[in-house]
Amino acid sequence: MKERVQRIFRHLSPTPEALVLVNSIEPHLDQSFFYVFDCPSGLFEGSAAIALPDGSLHVSTSQLEEESALQAAKHDPHLDIHLVKTADDRKKWLQKMLPAKGHIGLNFHELTHEDFLSVSGAVPALAWVDASVAVRKARRVKDAAEVERIREAGRIGSVVAGEIPSLLKLGITESELASEIEYRMMRTGASGRSFQTIVGFGAHGAEPHYSPGATPLEPGMSMVCDFGAFFRRYASDITRSFRFGPTDPELKKVHETVERAQQAAFDAVKAGTPGKEVHLAAQRVIDASPWKGRFTHGVGHSIGLAVHDGYGMGDSTEDPLEVGMAITIEPGIYLPGRGGVRIEDDVLVTASGCEILTTAKRGYIEVPA
């Protein structure tokens, strides 16, 4: 993990003496801890990582997860594991590992106030600097190992997306379909869902972040299914929209419009392009249709250790795309009271454009009722 640590420090100016990443208890775990400490299992609640500019890394762990940490350390000569049993032990470890004076980076974006008081109280003479932006910028560009995990998470999501039409039966509820999607992701190799699965039938499809409920599937309903898999801590995020017959001519045209908008966004992805240009490429297609103004969110975001991994693409995003970024492309049209269509895929930014990592069919699919 030496290169990942050094990548963070390249974004820090002036360079601090060290960077400290601290976990509280789930769900308040800093995913950047797992960026520098590549351990595929374990929660590491209460653990901390001290990263140094030379790329070396020191990780504290409880006895509960010591074995997982030691197994990870076998593959990394730049990593040292330290067993910390009590809060007082952690304080003494911080005092031993950190200089008595100087500047230390903290990931303020994820650090709880309680942990800040604990760390700063252990070495009160130090000056603390916010390293959040540097951490997020480092995580944007994925290395080869990260790409392969995202690729596998995308494969899992694609397989399950292709199975959804066979699951659409009269009377199945949104919650039942969501549960089946999650079960099939796990059966296909996921280590978990990357976020709460969204299944919205009928008018609920017009709510981009709808939570599935007890609504049963009835003839004449369209639906939006948005879900993702974790594979060894890395996320995928895919959305497909379907119709449970009979056909609604307008919603079929909506689907075709969203598909064209997504293709326009794919075509706009290129290293060096500001994120807003990808969004605007999709927006122009939708604004030229009868549904202008019904595209109500950014066209995508980065994915990685988190499903929203620190970079979003809206109409004001100036930060350029970089080779190695993993992002979603997800235009949608939402018609309140009727339903919606969203199509989402994961892509890898390349020197010449993008590689689409999710492969389930994107076209209009209607299942006979």
Protein backbone atom coordinates (compact mmCIF):
# COMPACT_ATOMS: atom_id res chain seq x y z
CA MET A 1 0.00 0.00 0.00
CA LYS A 2 3.06 2.22 -0.17
CA GLU A 3 1.95 3.83 -3.45
CA ARG A 4 -1.53 4.67 -2.07
CA VAL A 5 -0.03 6.34 0.99
CA GLN A 6 2.41 8.33 -1.11
CA ARG A 7 -0.41 9.32 -3.48
CA ILE A 8 -2.24 10.99 -0.59
CA PHE A 9 0.89 12.86 0.51
CA ARG A 10 1.41 14.14 -3.04
CA HIS A 11 -1.88 16.03 -2.63
CA LEU A 12 -0.84 17.56 0.72
CA SER A 13 1.02 20.88 0.81
CA PRO A 14 2.86 21.59 2.98
CA THR A 15 3.63 17.96 3.79
CA PRO A 16 2.62 16.99 7.34
CA GLU A 17 4.78 14.72 9.46
CA ALA A 18 2.09 12.01 9.35
CA LEU A 19 -1.51 11.25 8.46
CA VAL A 20 -3.80 9.61 11.03
CA LEU A 21 -6.97 7.77 9.98
CA VAL A 22 -9.28 6.68 12.80
CA ASN A 23 -12.27 4.34 12.95
CA SER A 24 -15.05 4.75 15.46
CA ILE A 25 -17.78 2.08 15.54
CA GLU A 26 -19.90 1.01 12.59
CA PRO A 27 -21.30 2.84 10.67
CA HIS A 28 -18.68 5.45 11.53
CA LEU A 29 -15.78 3.67 9.86
CA ASP A 30 -13.41 5.70 7.71
CA GLN A 31 -13.22 3.89 4.37
CA SER A 32 -9.90 5.65 3.75
CA PHE A 33 -8.51 3.50 6.57
CA PHE A 34 -9.16 0.54 4.27
CA TYR A 35 -7.72 2.44 1.31
CA VAL A 36 -4.29 2.50 2.95
CA PHE A 37 -4.78 -0.78 4.82
CA ASP A 38 -6.00 -3.31 2.26
CA CYS A 39 -7.60 -5.93 4.50
CA PRO A 40 -10.64 -7.59 2.89
CA SER A 41 -12.34 -8.70 6.12
CA GLY A 42 -13.00 -7.23 9.54
CA LEU A 43 -14.55 -4.04 10.93
CA PHE A 44 -11.52 -2.70 12.85
CA GLU A 45 -13.72 -0.61 15.10
CA GLY A 46 -11.55 1.69 17.21
CA SER A 47 -8.49 1.01 15.09
CA ALA A 48 -6.22 3.69 13.69
CA ALA A 49 -3.69 3.95 10.87
CA ILE A 50 -0.64 6.20 10.96
CA ALA A 51 0.73 6.83 7.46
CA LEU A 52 4.11 8.43 6.86
CA PRO A 53 5.40 10.36 3.82
CA ASP A 54 7.80 7.54 2.87
CA GLY A 55 4.81 5.26 2.31
CA SER A 56 5.13 3.20 5.47
CA LEU A 57 2.02 2.42 7.50
CA HIS A 58 1.39 1.52 11.14
CA VAL A 59 -2.00 0.07 12.08
CA SER A 60 -3.40 -0.49 15.55
CA THR A 61 -5.83 -3.36 16.04
CA SER A 62 -7.74 -4.97 18.84
CA GLN A 63 -7.11 -8.61 19.70
CA LEU A 64 -10.46 -9.41 18.07
CA GLU A 65 -9.09 -8.71 14.58
CA GLU A 66 -5.38 -9.16 15.14
CA GLU A 67 -5.23 -12.31 13.01
CA SER A 68 -6.90 -10.63 10.01
CA ALA A 69 -4.45 -7.73 10.32
CA LEU A 70 -1.43 -10.00 10.55
CA GLN A 71 -2.55 -11.95 7.47
CA ALA A 72 -2.80 -8.67 5.51
CA ALA A 73 0.63 -7.59 6.76
CA LYS A 74 2.25 -10.73 5.33
CA HIS A 75 1.80 -9.29 1.84
CA ASP A 76 3.08 -5.76 2.57
CA PRO A 77 6.63 -5.10 3.82
CA HIS A 78 5.76 -1.45 4.48
CA LEU A 79 3.05 -2.33 7.02
CA ASP A 80 3.42 -2.86 10.76
CA ILE A 81 0.63 -4.13 13.03
CA HIS A 82 0.36 -3.03 16.66
CA LEU A 83 -1.92 -4.76 19.17
CA VAL A 84 -3.84 -2.21 21.28
CA LYS A 85 -6.09 -3.63 24.00
CA THR A 86 -7.39 -0.54 25.84
CA ALA A 87 -8.03 3.16 25.27
CA ASP A 88 -4.97 3.89 27.40
CA ASP A 89 -2.90 1.55 25.22
CA ARG A 90 -4.01 3.47 22.12
CA LYS A 91 -3.06 6.77 23.77
CA LYS A 92 0.42 5.47 24.57
CA TRP A 93 0.77 4.06 21.04
CA LEU A 94 -0.12 7.44 19.49
CA GLN A 95 2.35 9.18 21.79
CA LYS A 96 5.07 6.71 20.78
CA MET A 97 4.41 6.81 17.04
CA LEU A 98 3.75 10.53 16.51
CA PRO A 99 6.30 13.33 16.92
CA ALA A 100 5.96 15.60 19.94
CA LYS A 101 5.63 18.66 17.68
CA GLY A 102 4.68 19.36 14.09
CA HIS A 103 1.68 19.08 11.79
CA ILE A 104 -0.44 15.94 11.48
CA GLY A 105 -3.13 15.34 8.85
CA LEU A 106 -6.59 14.09 9.82
CA ASN A 107 -9.48 13.09 7.59
CA PHE A 108 -11.95 15.59 9.07
CA HIS A 109 -14.61 14.50 6.57
CA GLU A 110 -14.98 11.14 8.34
CA LEU A 111 -13.56 11.73 11.84
CA THR A 112 -16.03 11.82 14.73
CA HIS A 113 -15.70 14.62 17.27
CA GLU A 114 -15.15 12.07 20.02
CA ASP A 115 -12.21 10.53 18.15
CA PHE A 116 -10.73 13.95 17.43
CA LEU A 117 -10.76 14.74 21.14
CA SER A 118 -9.18 11.36 21.88
CA VAL A 119 -6.36 11.71 19.33
CA SER A 120 -5.65 15.39 19.94
CA GLY A 121 -5.71 14.82 23.69
CA ALA A 122 -3.04 12.13 23.41
CA VAL A 123 -0.52 14.50 21.78
CA PRO A 124 -1.75 18.01 22.61
CA ALA A 125 1.31 19.89 21.30
CA LEU A 126 0.68 18.83 17.70
CA ALA A 127 -1.05 21.00 15.10
CA TRP A 128 -3.85 19.27 13.20
CA VAL A 129 -4.56 19.91 9.52
CA ASP A 130 -7.50 18.82 7.40
CA ALA A 131 -6.34 16.20 4.88
CA SER A 132 -9.87 15.40 3.63
CA VAL A 133 -9.49 16.88 0.16
CA ALA A 134 -6.14 15.16 -0.39
CA VAL A 135 -7.59 11.81 0.68
CA ARG A 136 -10.58 12.16 -1.64
CA LYS A 137 -8.39 13.19 -4.60
CA ALA A 138 -6.09 10.22 -4.04
CA ARG A 139 -9.01 7.81 -3.91
CA ARG A 140 -10.54 9.12 -7.15
CA VAL A 141 -7.97 7.39 -9.37
CA LYS A 142 -8.02 3.61 -8.93
CA ASP A 143 -5.02 1.34 -9.17
CA ALA A 144 -5.14 -2.01 -10.95
CA ALA A 145 -6.23 -3.98 -7.88
CA GLU A 146 -9.09 -1.57 -7.21
CA VAL A 147 -10.25 -1.68 -10.83
CA GLU A 148 -10.42 -5.46 -10.81
CA ARG A 149 -12.58 -5.47 -7.68
CA ILE A 150 -14.92 -2.85 -9.12
CA ARG A 151 -15.03 -4.82 -12.36
CA GLU A 152 -16.07 -7.96 -10.46
CA ALA A 153 -18.66 -6.02 -8.45
CA GLY A 154 -20.01 -4.72 -11.76
CA ARG A 155 -20.14 -8.22 -13.20
CA ILE A 156 -22.20 -9.38 -10.22
CA GLY A 157 -24.63 -6.48 -10.62
CA SER A 158 -24.92 -7.14 -14.36
CA VAL A 159 -25.74 -10.82 -13.89
CA VAL A 160 -28.48 -10.01 -11.39
CA ALA A 161 -29.89 -7.19 -13.53
CA GLY A 162 -30.29 -9.70 -16.34
CA GLU A 163 -32.31 -11.97 -14.05
CA ILE A 164 -34.83 -9.36 -12.91
CA PRO A 165 -37.35 -9.85 -15.78
CA SER A 166 -37.74 -13.51 -14.79
CA LEU A 167 -38.61 -12.41 -11.23
CA LEU A 168 -41.48 -10.10 -12.20
CA LYS A 169 -44.68 -11.86 -11.19
CA LEU A 170 -48.14 -10.51 -10.46
CA GLY A 171 -48.36 -9.58 -6.78
CA ILE A 172 -44.66 -9.57 -5.88
CA THR A 173 -43.97 -6.57 -3.65
CA GLU A 174 -41.22 -4.00 -3.96
CA SER A 175 -39.61 -5.33 -0.77
CA GLU A 176 -39.78 -8.92 -1.99
CA LEU A 177 -38.12 -8.04 -5.28
CA ALA A 178 -35.44 -6.02 -3.46
CA SER A 179 -34.75 -8.99 -1.18
CA GLU A 180 -34.48 -11.33 -4.14
CA ILE A 181 -32.04 -8.98 -5.88
CA GLU A 182 -29.84 -8.86 -2.79
CA TYR A 183 -29.96 -12.64 -2.32
CA ARG A 184 -28.94 -13.19 -5.93
CA MET A 185 -26.04 -10.74 -5.62
CA MET A 186 -24.73 -12.70 -2.64
CA ARG A 187 -25.25 -15.99 -4.45
CA THR A 188 -23.30 -14.61 -7.42
CA GLY A 189 -20.29 -13.70 -5.28
CA ALA A 190 -20.96 -10.37 -3.58
CA SER A 191 -19.72 -9.79 -0.06
CA GLY A 192 -22.74 -7.54 0.57
CA ARG A 193 -24.95 -4.87 -0.94
CA SER A 194 -23.23 -1.54 -1.55
CA PHE A 195 -26.29 0.50 -0.50
CA GLN A 196 -29.96 -0.02 0.30
CA THR A 197 -31.57 -1.50 -2.79
CA ILE A 198 -34.13 0.73 -4.51
CA VAL A 199 -37.19 -0.87 -6.10
CA GLY A 200 -40.01 1.50 -7.02
CA PHE A 201 -43.18 0.30 -8.76
CA GLY A 202 -45.47 2.65 -10.66
CA ALA A 203 -45.51 6.23 -9.38
CA HIS A 204 -42.78 5.36 -6.86
CA GLY A 205 -40.34 5.19 -9.77
CA ALA A 206 -40.50 8.99 -9.91
CA GLU A 207 -38.65 9.16 -6.55
CA PRO A 208 -34.93 8.67 -7.29
CA HIS A 209 -34.09 7.54 -3.73
CA TYR A 210 -37.30 5.66 -2.94
CA SER A 211 -37.25 2.97 -0.21
CA PRO A 212 -39.11 -0.21 -1.23
CA GLY A 213 -42.31 -1.04 0.60
CA ALA A 214 -45.31 -3.36 0.45
CA THR A 215 -46.68 -2.15 -2.91
CA PRO A 216 -47.55 -5.19 -5.08
CA LEU A 217 -46.76 -5.41 -8.77
CA GLU A 218 -49.82 -4.93 -10.96
CA PRO A 219 -50.34 -4.91 -14.74
CA GLY A 220 -49.45 -1.59 -16.32
CA MET A 221 -46.66 -0.72 -13.88
CA SER A 222 -43.22 0.47 -14.84
CA MET A 223 -40.42 0.20 -12.29
CA VAL A 224 -36.94 1.39 -11.38
CA CYS A 225 -34.48 -1.06 -9.81
CA ASP A 226 -31.25 0.49 -8.48
CA PHE A 227 -28.79 -1.72 -6.61
CA GLY A 228 -25.15 -2.60 -6.22
CA ALA A 229 -22.72 -5.18 -4.90
CA PHE A 230 -19.66 -5.02 -2.72
CA PHE A 231 -16.78 -7.25 -3.73
CA ARG A 232 -13.85 -7.22 -1.29
CA ARG A 233 -14.99 -3.77 -0.07
CA TYR A 234 -15.39 -2.22 -3.56
CA ALA A 235 -18.77 -1.15 -4.90
CA SER A 236 -20.81 -1.35 -8.06
CA ASP A 237 -23.98 0.63 -8.77
CA ILE A 238 -26.41 -0.27 -11.54
CA THR A 239 -29.97 0.76 -12.41
CA ARG A 240 -32.37 -0.82 -14.84
CA SER A 241 -35.97 0.14 -15.59
CA PHE A 242 -38.65 -2.31 -16.73
CA ARG A 243 -42.29 -2.45 -17.75
CA PHE A 244 -44.85 -4.98 -16.53
CA GLY A 245 -47.26 -4.91 -19.50
CA PRO A 246 -49.31 -3.64 -21.16
CA THR A 247 -47.24 -1.02 -22.96
CA ASP A 248 -47.41 2.65 -22.04
CA PRO A 249 -46.32 4.41 -25.27
CA GLU A 250 -45.15 7.55 -23.46
CA LEU A 251 -43.02 5.71 -20.90
CA LYS A 252 -41.53 3.61 -23.69
CA LYS A 253 -40.46 6.84 -25.42
CA VAL A 254 -39.14 8.13 -22.08
CA HIS A 255 -36.99 5.00 -21.82
CA GLU A 256 -35.66 5.49 -25.33
CA THR A 257 -34.84 9.13 -24.55
CA VAL A 258 -32.95 8.20 -21.38
CA GLU A 259 -31.02 5.58 -23.34
CA ARG A 260 -29.96 8.22 -25.89
CA ALA A 261 -29.01 10.61 -23.09
CA GLN A 262 -26.83 7.96 -21.48
CA GLN A 263 -25.10 7.25 -24.79
CA ALA A 264 -24.41 10.97 -25.22
CA ALA A 265 -22.83 11.00 -21.76
CA PHE A 266 -20.74 7.92 -22.57
CA ASP A 267 -19.49 9.70 -25.67
CA ALA A 268 -18.50 12.76 -23.62
CA VAL A 269 -16.37 10.84 -21.11
CA LYS A 270 -12.71 11.54 -21.73
CA ALA A 271 -9.72 12.23 -19.51
CA GLY A 272 -9.33 15.98 -19.05
CA THR A 273 -13.00 16.75 -19.63
CA PRO A 274 -14.71 18.67 -16.81
CA GLY A 275 -17.40 16.56 -15.16
CA LYS A 276 -20.07 19.11 -16.04
CA GLU A 277 -19.60 18.39 -19.77
CA VAL A 278 -20.66 14.77 -19.23
CA HIS A 279 -23.74 15.92 -17.33
CA LEU A 280 -24.63 18.55 -19.93
CA ALA A 281 -24.31 16.03 -22.78
CA ALA A 282 -27.10 13.97 -21.21
CA GLN A 283 -29.11 16.99 -20.18
CA ARG A 284 -29.16 18.41 -23.71
CA VAL A 285 -30.78 15.23 -25.03
CA ILE A 286 -33.46 15.30 -22.34
CA ASP A 287 -34.06 19.04 -22.65
CA ALA A 288 -34.69 18.57 -26.39
CA SER A 289 -37.45 16.07 -25.58
CA PRO A 290 -40.98 16.67 -24.27
CA TRP A 291 -39.64 15.99 -20.76
CA LYS A 292 -37.37 19.00 -20.34
CA GLY A 293 -36.74 19.71 -16.66
CA ARG A 294 -37.55 16.18 -15.48
CA PHE A 295 -33.87 15.18 -15.16
CA THR A 296 -33.45 16.20 -11.54
CA HIS A 297 -29.98 15.05 -10.41
CA GLY A 298 -26.36 14.89 -11.50
CA VAL A 299 -25.46 12.44 -14.24
CA GLY A 300 -23.12 10.40 -12.07
CA HIS A 301 -20.57 10.02 -9.30
CA SER A 302 -17.40 8.14 -8.54
CA ILE A 303 -17.51 4.66 -7.03
CA GLY A 304 -14.94 2.73 -5.04
CA LEU A 305 -14.74 1.92 -1.35
CA ALA A 306 -17.99 3.88 -1.05
CA VAL A 307 -20.80 3.90 -3.57
CA HIS A 308 -20.51 7.72 -3.59
CA ASP A 309 -16.73 7.94 -3.52
CA GLY A 310 -16.08 11.67 -3.38
CA TYR A 311 -16.68 12.97 -6.91
CA GLY A 312 -20.01 14.00 -8.41
CA MET A 313 -20.89 15.15 -11.91
CA GLY A 314 -23.46 17.93 -12.11
CA ASP A 315 -23.88 21.01 -14.25
CA SER A 316 -21.24 22.95 -12.27
CA THR A 317 -18.52 20.30 -11.80
CA GLU A 318 -15.27 21.85 -13.03
CA ASP A 319 -12.88 19.12 -11.82
CA PRO A 320 -11.69 17.13 -14.86
CA LEU A 321 -11.99 13.40 -15.32
CA GLU A 322 -8.75 11.45 -14.96
CA VAL A 323 -7.57 8.14 -16.37
CA GLY A 324 -8.39 5.45 -13.85
CA MET A 325 -11.49 7.07 -12.35
CA ALA A 326 -14.47 4.73 -11.89
CA ILE A 327 -17.75 6.62 -12.28
CA THR A 328 -21.44 6.03 -12.88
CA ILE A 329 -23.45 7.39 -15.78
CA GLU A 330 -27.12 7.51 -14.73
CA PRO A 331 -29.49 9.92 -16.48
CA GLY A 332 -33.17 9.67 -15.65
CA ILE A 333 -36.58 11.18 -16.36
CA TYR A 334 -39.15 11.34 -13.55
CA LEU A 335 -42.87 11.98 -14.03
CA PRO A 336 -44.57 12.61 -10.67
CA GLY A 337 -47.70 10.51 -10.23
CA ARG A 338 -46.79 8.20 -13.13
CA GLY A 339 -43.31 6.79 -12.75
CA GLY A 340 -39.79 7.17 -13.97
CA VAL A 341 -36.93 5.71 -15.97
CA ARG A 342 -33.29 5.65 -14.95
CA ILE A 343 -30.48 3.73 -16.64
CA GLU A 344 -27.19 3.53 -14.78
CA ASP A 345 -23.87 1.93 -15.61
CA ASP A 346 -20.38 1.92 -14.15
CA VAL A 347 -17.54 3.04 -16.40
CA LEU A 348 -13.77 3.33 -16.17
CA VAL A 349 -12.21 6.50 -17.60
CA THR A 350 -9.51 5.66 -20.13
CA ALA A 351 -7.11 7.76 -22.22
CA SER A 352 -9.40 7.50 -25.24
CA GLY A 353 -12.83 7.53 -23.58
CA CYS A 354 -14.34 4.97 -21.26
CA GLU A 355 -14.76 1.25 -20.68
CA ILE A 356 -18.27 0.23 -19.64
CA LEU A 357 -18.00 -2.19 -16.72
CA THR A 358 -21.69 -3.16 -16.38
CA THR A 359 -23.10 -5.12 -19.27
CA ALA A 360 -26.79 -5.91 -18.65
CA LYS A 361 -29.14 -4.93 -21.51
CA ARG A 362 -30.08 -1.25 -21.41
CA GLY A 363 -32.93 -1.23 -23.92
CA TYR A 364 -36.65 -1.19 -23.21
CA ILE A 365 -37.75 -4.50 -21.68
CA GLU A 366 -41.44 -5.28 -21.22
CA VAL A 367 -42.53 -8.36 -19.30
CA PRO A 368 -46.01 -9.70 -20.12
CA ALA A 369 -48.37 -9.34 -17.16
